[in-house]
Amino acid sequence: MCEGKIIFKEGKATAEPRRVSFPDAMFHTVNVQNSTLPSLPLRGKVRVMELVSRLVTKESFIDLDDPEASKDVIPILALDRLGGKASFMGLLKGFGLQKGALGSTMSWDTLT
């Protein structure tokens, strides 16, 4: 529900999503250079982070050689945008991204 209206019922959207726009200043603000990215497996059994809901994840294991199990699996990358060497690359299942990419920043070092 959103603003008192049902927007999703029985697996189907009942309302059109609003068009979202972002100011140009939000784009091209993170530039990571000279990073060595970890490699990802292309075959075999792997561990994935699976989205149960927008706030809940669970650990799952899938076989990348099984087309049904590996459906909706995308790579996820975390880098230190300030130039540190730490990074993480893994697999995420259930996000729903079908094309393109998504970028985000977070300052976990300033959270209390």
N, C-alpha and C. Protein backbone atom coordinates (compact mmCIF):
# COMPACT_ATOMS: atom_id res chain seq x y z
N MET A 1 0.85 -1.17 0.00
CA MET A 1 0.00 0.00 0.00
C MET A 1 0.89 1.23 0.00
N CYS A 2 0.40 2.26 -0.62
CA CYS A 2 1.09 3.55 -0.65
C CYS A 2 0.03 4.63 -0.61
N GLU A 3 0.14 5.50 0.36
CA GLU A 3 -0.82 6.58 0.54
C GLU A 3 -2.25 6.07 0.58
N GLY A 4 -2.45 4.92 1.25
CA GLY A 4 -3.78 4.36 1.43
C GLY A 4 -4.34 3.61 0.24
N LYS A 5 -3.55 3.44 -0.82
CA LYS A 5 -4.03 2.74 -2.02
C LYS A 5 -3.26 1.45 -2.19
N ILE A 6 -3.95 0.40 -2.64
CA ILE A 6 -3.29 -0.87 -2.93
C ILE A 6 -2.52 -0.71 -4.23
N ILE A 7 -1.23 -0.98 -4.19
CA ILE A 7 -0.41 -0.83 -5.40
C ILE A 7 0.14 -2.17 -5.91
N PHE A 8 -0.05 -3.23 -5.12
CA PHE A 8 0.43 -4.55 -5.52
C PHE A 8 -0.49 -5.59 -4.90
N LYS A 9 -1.10 -6.44 -5.75
CA LYS A 9 -2.06 -7.42 -5.24
C LYS A 9 -1.97 -8.69 -6.07
N GLU A 10 -1.89 -9.82 -5.38
CA GLU A 10 -1.85 -11.12 -6.03
C GLU A 10 -0.75 -11.21 -7.09
N GLY A 11 0.41 -10.69 -6.75
CA GLY A 11 1.57 -10.79 -7.63
C GLY A 11 1.59 -9.81 -8.79
N LYS A 12 0.68 -8.84 -8.81
CA LYS A 12 0.62 -7.89 -9.92
C LYS A 12 0.53 -6.45 -9.42
N ALA A 13 1.20 -5.56 -10.13
CA ALA A 13 1.11 -4.14 -9.80
C ALA A 13 -0.26 -3.62 -10.20
N THR A 14 -0.87 -2.83 -9.35
CA THR A 14 -2.16 -2.24 -9.65
C THR A 14 -2.05 -0.74 -9.91
N ALA A 15 -0.83 -0.23 -9.90
CA ALA A 15 -0.59 1.19 -10.17
C ALA A 15 0.70 1.31 -10.96
N GLU A 16 0.77 2.31 -11.78
CA GLU A 16 2.00 2.58 -12.54
C GLU A 16 3.01 3.27 -11.63
N PRO A 17 4.29 2.85 -11.72
CA PRO A 17 5.30 3.54 -10.90
C PRO A 17 5.48 4.98 -11.37
N ARG A 18 5.81 5.82 -10.43
CA ARG A 18 6.10 7.22 -10.77
C ARG A 18 7.43 7.30 -11.49
N ARG A 19 7.52 8.24 -12.42
CA ARG A 19 8.79 8.48 -13.11
C ARG A 19 9.74 9.15 -12.11
N VAL A 20 10.95 8.66 -12.06
CA VAL A 20 11.94 9.20 -11.14
C VAL A 20 13.02 9.89 -11.96
N SER A 21 13.42 11.06 -11.53
CA SER A 21 14.52 11.74 -12.20
C SER A 21 15.51 12.21 -11.14
N PHE A 22 16.76 12.33 -11.56
CA PHE A 22 17.81 12.74 -10.65
C PHE A 22 18.56 13.91 -11.26
N PRO A 23 19.00 14.85 -10.45
CA PRO A 23 19.77 15.98 -11.00
C PRO A 23 21.13 15.50 -11.52
N ASP A 24 21.63 16.18 -12.53
CA ASP A 24 22.92 15.81 -13.13
C ASP A 24 24.05 15.75 -12.11
N ALA A 25 23.97 16.55 -11.05
CA ALA A 25 25.03 16.58 -10.04
C ALA A 25 25.19 15.24 -9.32
N MET A 26 24.19 14.38 -9.40
CA MET A 26 24.27 13.08 -8.73
C MET A 26 25.07 12.06 -9.52
N PHE A 27 25.32 12.33 -10.78
CA PHE A 27 26.00 11.37 -11.63
C PHE A 27 27.50 11.64 -11.69
N HIS A 28 28.26 10.60 -11.87
CA HIS A 28 29.71 10.68 -12.04
C HIS A 28 30.40 11.31 -10.84
N THR A 29 29.95 10.96 -9.63
CA THR A 29 30.55 11.52 -8.42
C THR A 29 31.54 10.57 -7.77
N VAL A 30 31.54 9.31 -8.16
CA VAL A 30 32.47 8.34 -7.60
C VAL A 30 33.35 7.83 -8.73
N ASN A 31 34.65 8.01 -8.58
CA ASN A 31 35.61 7.56 -9.57
C ASN A 31 36.65 6.69 -8.88
N VAL A 32 36.57 5.41 -9.14
CA VAL A 32 37.50 4.46 -8.54
C VAL A 32 38.55 4.12 -9.59
N GLN A 33 39.80 4.35 -9.24
CA GLN A 33 40.87 4.09 -10.19
C GLN A 33 41.86 3.12 -9.58
N ASN A 34 42.54 2.40 -10.45
CA ASN A 34 43.62 1.48 -10.06
C ASN A 34 43.17 0.45 -9.04
N SER A 35 41.97 -0.08 -9.20
CA SER A 35 41.49 -1.13 -8.30
C SER A 35 41.61 -2.48 -8.99
N THR A 36 42.09 -3.45 -8.26
CA THR A 36 42.12 -4.82 -8.76
C THR A 36 40.87 -5.51 -8.24
N LEU A 37 40.01 -5.90 -9.15
CA LEU A 37 38.74 -6.50 -8.74
C LEU A 37 38.90 -8.01 -8.57
N PRO A 38 38.33 -8.55 -7.52
CA PRO A 38 38.36 -10.00 -7.34
C PRO A 38 37.57 -10.67 -8.47
N SER A 39 37.90 -11.90 -8.78
CA SER A 39 37.18 -12.60 -9.84
C SER A 39 35.99 -13.36 -9.27
N LEU A 40 35.02 -13.62 -10.12
CA LEU A 40 33.83 -14.37 -9.75
C LEU A 40 33.82 -15.71 -10.47
N PRO A 41 33.33 -16.74 -9.83
CA PRO A 41 33.22 -18.04 -10.52
C PRO A 41 32.13 -17.96 -11.59
N LEU A 42 32.30 -18.74 -12.65
CA LEU A 42 31.31 -18.79 -13.72
C LEU A 42 30.55 -20.11 -13.75
N ARG A 43 31.08 -21.11 -13.05
CA ARG A 43 30.47 -22.45 -13.04
C ARG A 43 30.56 -23.02 -11.63
N GLY A 44 29.74 -24.04 -11.39
CA GLY A 44 29.82 -24.78 -10.13
C GLY A 44 28.94 -24.21 -9.04
N LYS A 45 29.08 -24.77 -7.85
CA LYS A 45 28.28 -24.37 -6.70
C LYS A 45 28.90 -23.15 -6.03
N VAL A 46 28.06 -22.18 -5.71
CA VAL A 46 28.53 -20.93 -5.11
C VAL A 46 27.58 -20.50 -4.00
N ARG A 47 28.09 -19.66 -3.14
CA ARG A 47 27.29 -19.05 -2.08
C ARG A 47 26.76 -17.71 -2.60
N VAL A 48 25.49 -17.43 -2.34
CA VAL A 48 24.89 -16.16 -2.75
C VAL A 48 24.18 -15.52 -1.57
N MET A 49 24.03 -14.21 -1.64
CA MET A 49 23.18 -13.48 -0.71
C MET A 49 21.84 -13.32 -1.41
N GLU A 50 20.80 -13.89 -0.82
CA GLU A 50 19.48 -13.87 -1.45
C GLU A 50 18.57 -12.89 -0.74
N LEU A 51 17.92 -12.02 -1.52
CA LEU A 51 16.98 -11.07 -0.95
C LEU A 51 15.67 -11.76 -0.64
N VAL A 52 15.27 -11.72 0.62
CA VAL A 52 13.98 -12.25 1.04
C VAL A 52 12.95 -11.13 0.97
N SER A 53 13.37 -9.94 1.40
CA SER A 53 12.57 -8.72 1.31
C SER A 53 13.56 -7.56 1.16
N ARG A 54 13.07 -6.34 1.11
CA ARG A 54 13.98 -5.20 0.98
C ARG A 54 14.90 -5.05 2.18
N LEU A 55 14.52 -5.64 3.32
CA LEU A 55 15.31 -5.50 4.54
C LEU A 55 15.95 -6.79 5.02
N VAL A 56 15.57 -7.92 4.44
CA VAL A 56 16.03 -9.22 4.94
C VAL A 56 16.75 -9.97 3.83
N THR A 57 17.91 -10.54 4.17
CA THR A 57 18.65 -11.41 3.25
C THR A 57 18.90 -12.74 3.93
N LYS A 58 19.23 -13.73 3.12
CA LYS A 58 19.62 -15.02 3.68
C LYS A 58 20.74 -15.59 2.82
N GLU A 59 21.54 -16.43 3.42
CA GLU A 59 22.60 -17.11 2.70
C GLU A 59 22.00 -18.31 1.98
N SER A 60 22.34 -18.46 0.70
CA SER A 60 21.89 -19.60 -0.09
C SER A 60 23.07 -20.15 -0.87
N PHE A 61 22.93 -21.37 -1.31
CA PHE A 61 23.93 -21.99 -2.17
C PHE A 61 23.23 -22.44 -3.45
N ILE A 62 23.81 -22.09 -4.60
CA ILE A 62 23.20 -22.46 -5.87
C ILE A 62 24.27 -23.06 -6.78
N ASP A 63 23.82 -23.74 -7.81
CA ASP A 63 24.70 -24.30 -8.83
C ASP A 63 24.58 -23.42 -10.07
N LEU A 64 25.65 -22.74 -10.43
CA LEU A 64 25.63 -21.85 -11.59
C LEU A 64 25.39 -22.61 -12.89
N ASP A 65 25.60 -23.91 -12.90
CA ASP A 65 25.35 -24.70 -14.09
C ASP A 65 23.86 -25.02 -14.28
N ASP A 66 23.05 -24.75 -13.27
CA ASP A 66 21.60 -24.97 -13.33
C ASP A 66 20.93 -23.65 -13.73
N PRO A 67 20.38 -23.55 -14.95
CA PRO A 67 19.80 -22.28 -15.41
C PRO A 67 18.68 -21.75 -14.51
N GLU A 68 17.86 -22.63 -13.96
CA GLU A 68 16.76 -22.17 -13.11
C GLU A 68 17.29 -21.62 -11.77
N ALA A 69 18.25 -22.31 -11.17
CA ALA A 69 18.81 -21.87 -9.89
C ALA A 69 19.61 -20.58 -10.03
N SER A 70 20.26 -20.40 -11.18
CA SER A 70 21.10 -19.22 -11.36
C SER A 70 20.35 -18.05 -11.98
N LYS A 71 19.05 -18.21 -12.16
CA LYS A 71 18.22 -17.13 -12.68
C LYS A 71 18.20 -15.98 -11.66
N ASP A 72 18.29 -14.76 -12.14
CA ASP A 72 18.25 -13.56 -11.30
C ASP A 72 19.42 -13.48 -10.32
N VAL A 73 20.59 -13.92 -10.76
CA VAL A 73 21.81 -13.80 -9.94
C VAL A 73 22.71 -12.76 -10.63
N ILE A 74 23.13 -11.76 -9.86
CA ILE A 74 23.98 -10.70 -10.40
C ILE A 74 25.20 -10.53 -9.50
N PRO A 75 26.30 -10.00 -10.05
CA PRO A 75 27.45 -9.71 -9.21
C PRO A 75 27.20 -8.45 -8.38
N ILE A 76 27.80 -8.42 -7.21
CA ILE A 76 27.72 -7.25 -6.34
C ILE A 76 29.15 -6.91 -5.91
N LEU A 77 29.47 -5.64 -5.90
CA LEU A 77 30.82 -5.19 -5.61
C LEU A 77 30.80 -4.08 -4.59
N ALA A 78 31.64 -4.17 -3.59
CA ALA A 78 31.82 -3.11 -2.61
C ALA A 78 33.28 -2.68 -2.65
N LEU A 79 33.49 -1.39 -2.85
CA LEU A 79 34.84 -0.82 -2.91
C LEU A 79 34.95 0.34 -1.94
N ASP A 80 36.16 0.62 -1.52
CA ASP A 80 36.43 1.82 -0.75
C ASP A 80 36.59 2.96 -1.74
N ARG A 81 35.61 3.84 -1.81
CA ARG A 81 35.64 4.92 -2.81
C ARG A 81 36.69 5.98 -2.51
N LEU A 82 37.31 5.89 -1.34
CA LEU A 82 38.35 6.86 -1.00
C LEU A 82 39.74 6.34 -1.35
N GLY A 83 39.80 5.19 -2.01
CA GLY A 83 41.08 4.71 -2.49
C GLY A 83 41.73 3.61 -1.69
N GLY A 84 41.10 3.15 -0.63
CA GLY A 84 41.66 2.04 0.12
C GLY A 84 41.67 0.77 -0.71
N LYS A 85 42.41 -0.21 -0.29
CA LYS A 85 42.57 -1.45 -1.07
C LYS A 85 41.50 -2.49 -0.78
N ALA A 86 40.71 -2.31 0.26
CA ALA A 86 39.71 -3.31 0.62
C ALA A 86 38.58 -3.35 -0.41
N SER A 87 38.14 -4.55 -0.76
CA SER A 87 37.01 -4.69 -1.65
C SER A 87 36.35 -6.04 -1.41
N PHE A 88 35.13 -6.17 -1.89
CA PHE A 88 34.39 -7.42 -1.78
C PHE A 88 33.61 -7.61 -3.06
N MET A 89 33.62 -8.80 -3.59
CA MET A 89 32.77 -9.12 -4.73
C MET A 89 32.08 -10.43 -4.43
N GLY A 90 30.78 -10.45 -4.66
CA GLY A 90 30.01 -11.65 -4.42
C GLY A 90 28.83 -11.72 -5.37
N LEU A 91 27.87 -12.57 -5.03
CA LEU A 91 26.69 -12.76 -5.88
C LEU A 91 25.43 -12.46 -5.09
N LEU A 92 24.48 -11.81 -5.76
CA LEU A 92 23.22 -11.42 -5.15
C LEU A 92 22.08 -12.03 -5.97
N LYS A 93 21.13 -12.66 -5.29
CA LYS A 93 19.98 -13.29 -5.97
C LYS A 93 18.70 -12.61 -5.51
N GLY A 94 17.82 -12.35 -6.47
CA GLY A 94 16.51 -11.82 -6.13
C GLY A 94 16.38 -10.31 -6.20
N PHE A 95 17.37 -9.60 -6.72
CA PHE A 95 17.32 -8.15 -6.80
C PHE A 95 16.40 -7.69 -7.92
N GLY A 96 16.35 -8.45 -9.01
CA GLY A 96 15.44 -8.13 -10.10
C GLY A 96 16.02 -7.27 -11.21
N LEU A 97 17.28 -6.93 -11.14
CA LEU A 97 17.90 -6.11 -12.18
C LEU A 97 18.02 -6.95 -13.45
N GLN A 98 17.45 -6.46 -14.55
CA GLN A 98 17.46 -7.22 -15.80
C GLN A 98 18.47 -6.69 -16.80
N LYS A 99 18.80 -5.41 -16.71
CA LYS A 99 19.84 -4.85 -17.58
C LYS A 99 20.39 -3.60 -16.91
N GLY A 100 21.56 -3.20 -17.35
CA GLY A 100 22.18 -2.01 -16.78
C GLY A 100 22.92 -2.31 -15.50
N ALA A 101 23.05 -1.29 -14.68
CA ALA A 101 23.79 -1.41 -13.42
C ALA A 101 23.22 -0.41 -12.42
N LEU A 102 23.57 -0.60 -11.18
CA LEU A 102 23.14 0.29 -10.11
C LEU A 102 24.35 0.62 -9.26
N GLY A 103 24.52 1.87 -8.94
CA GLY A 103 25.61 2.28 -8.06
C GLY A 103 25.07 3.01 -6.86
N SER A 104 25.75 2.87 -5.75
CA SER A 104 25.32 3.53 -4.52
C SER A 104 26.55 3.78 -3.66
N THR A 105 26.47 4.75 -2.80
CA THR A 105 27.55 4.98 -1.84
C THR A 105 26.98 4.91 -0.43
N MET A 106 27.86 4.65 0.51
CA MET A 106 27.47 4.56 1.91
C MET A 106 28.68 4.88 2.77
N SER A 107 28.45 5.53 3.87
CA SER A 107 29.54 5.85 4.79
C SER A 107 29.35 5.06 6.07
N TRP A 108 29.64 3.76 6.02
CA TRP A 108 29.44 2.94 7.22
C TRP A 108 30.41 3.30 8.33
N ASP A 109 31.53 3.94 7.98
CA ASP A 109 32.49 4.32 9.01
C ASP A 109 32.01 5.48 9.86
N THR A 110 30.94 6.16 9.46
CA THR A 110 30.42 7.28 10.25
C THR A 110 29.15 6.94 11.01
N LEU A 111 28.67 5.69 10.84
CA LEU A 111 27.47 5.27 11.58
C LEU A 111 27.82 5.00 13.03
N THR A 112 26.89 5.29 13.92
CA THR A 112 27.12 5.01 15.35
C THR A 112 26.13 4.02 15.86
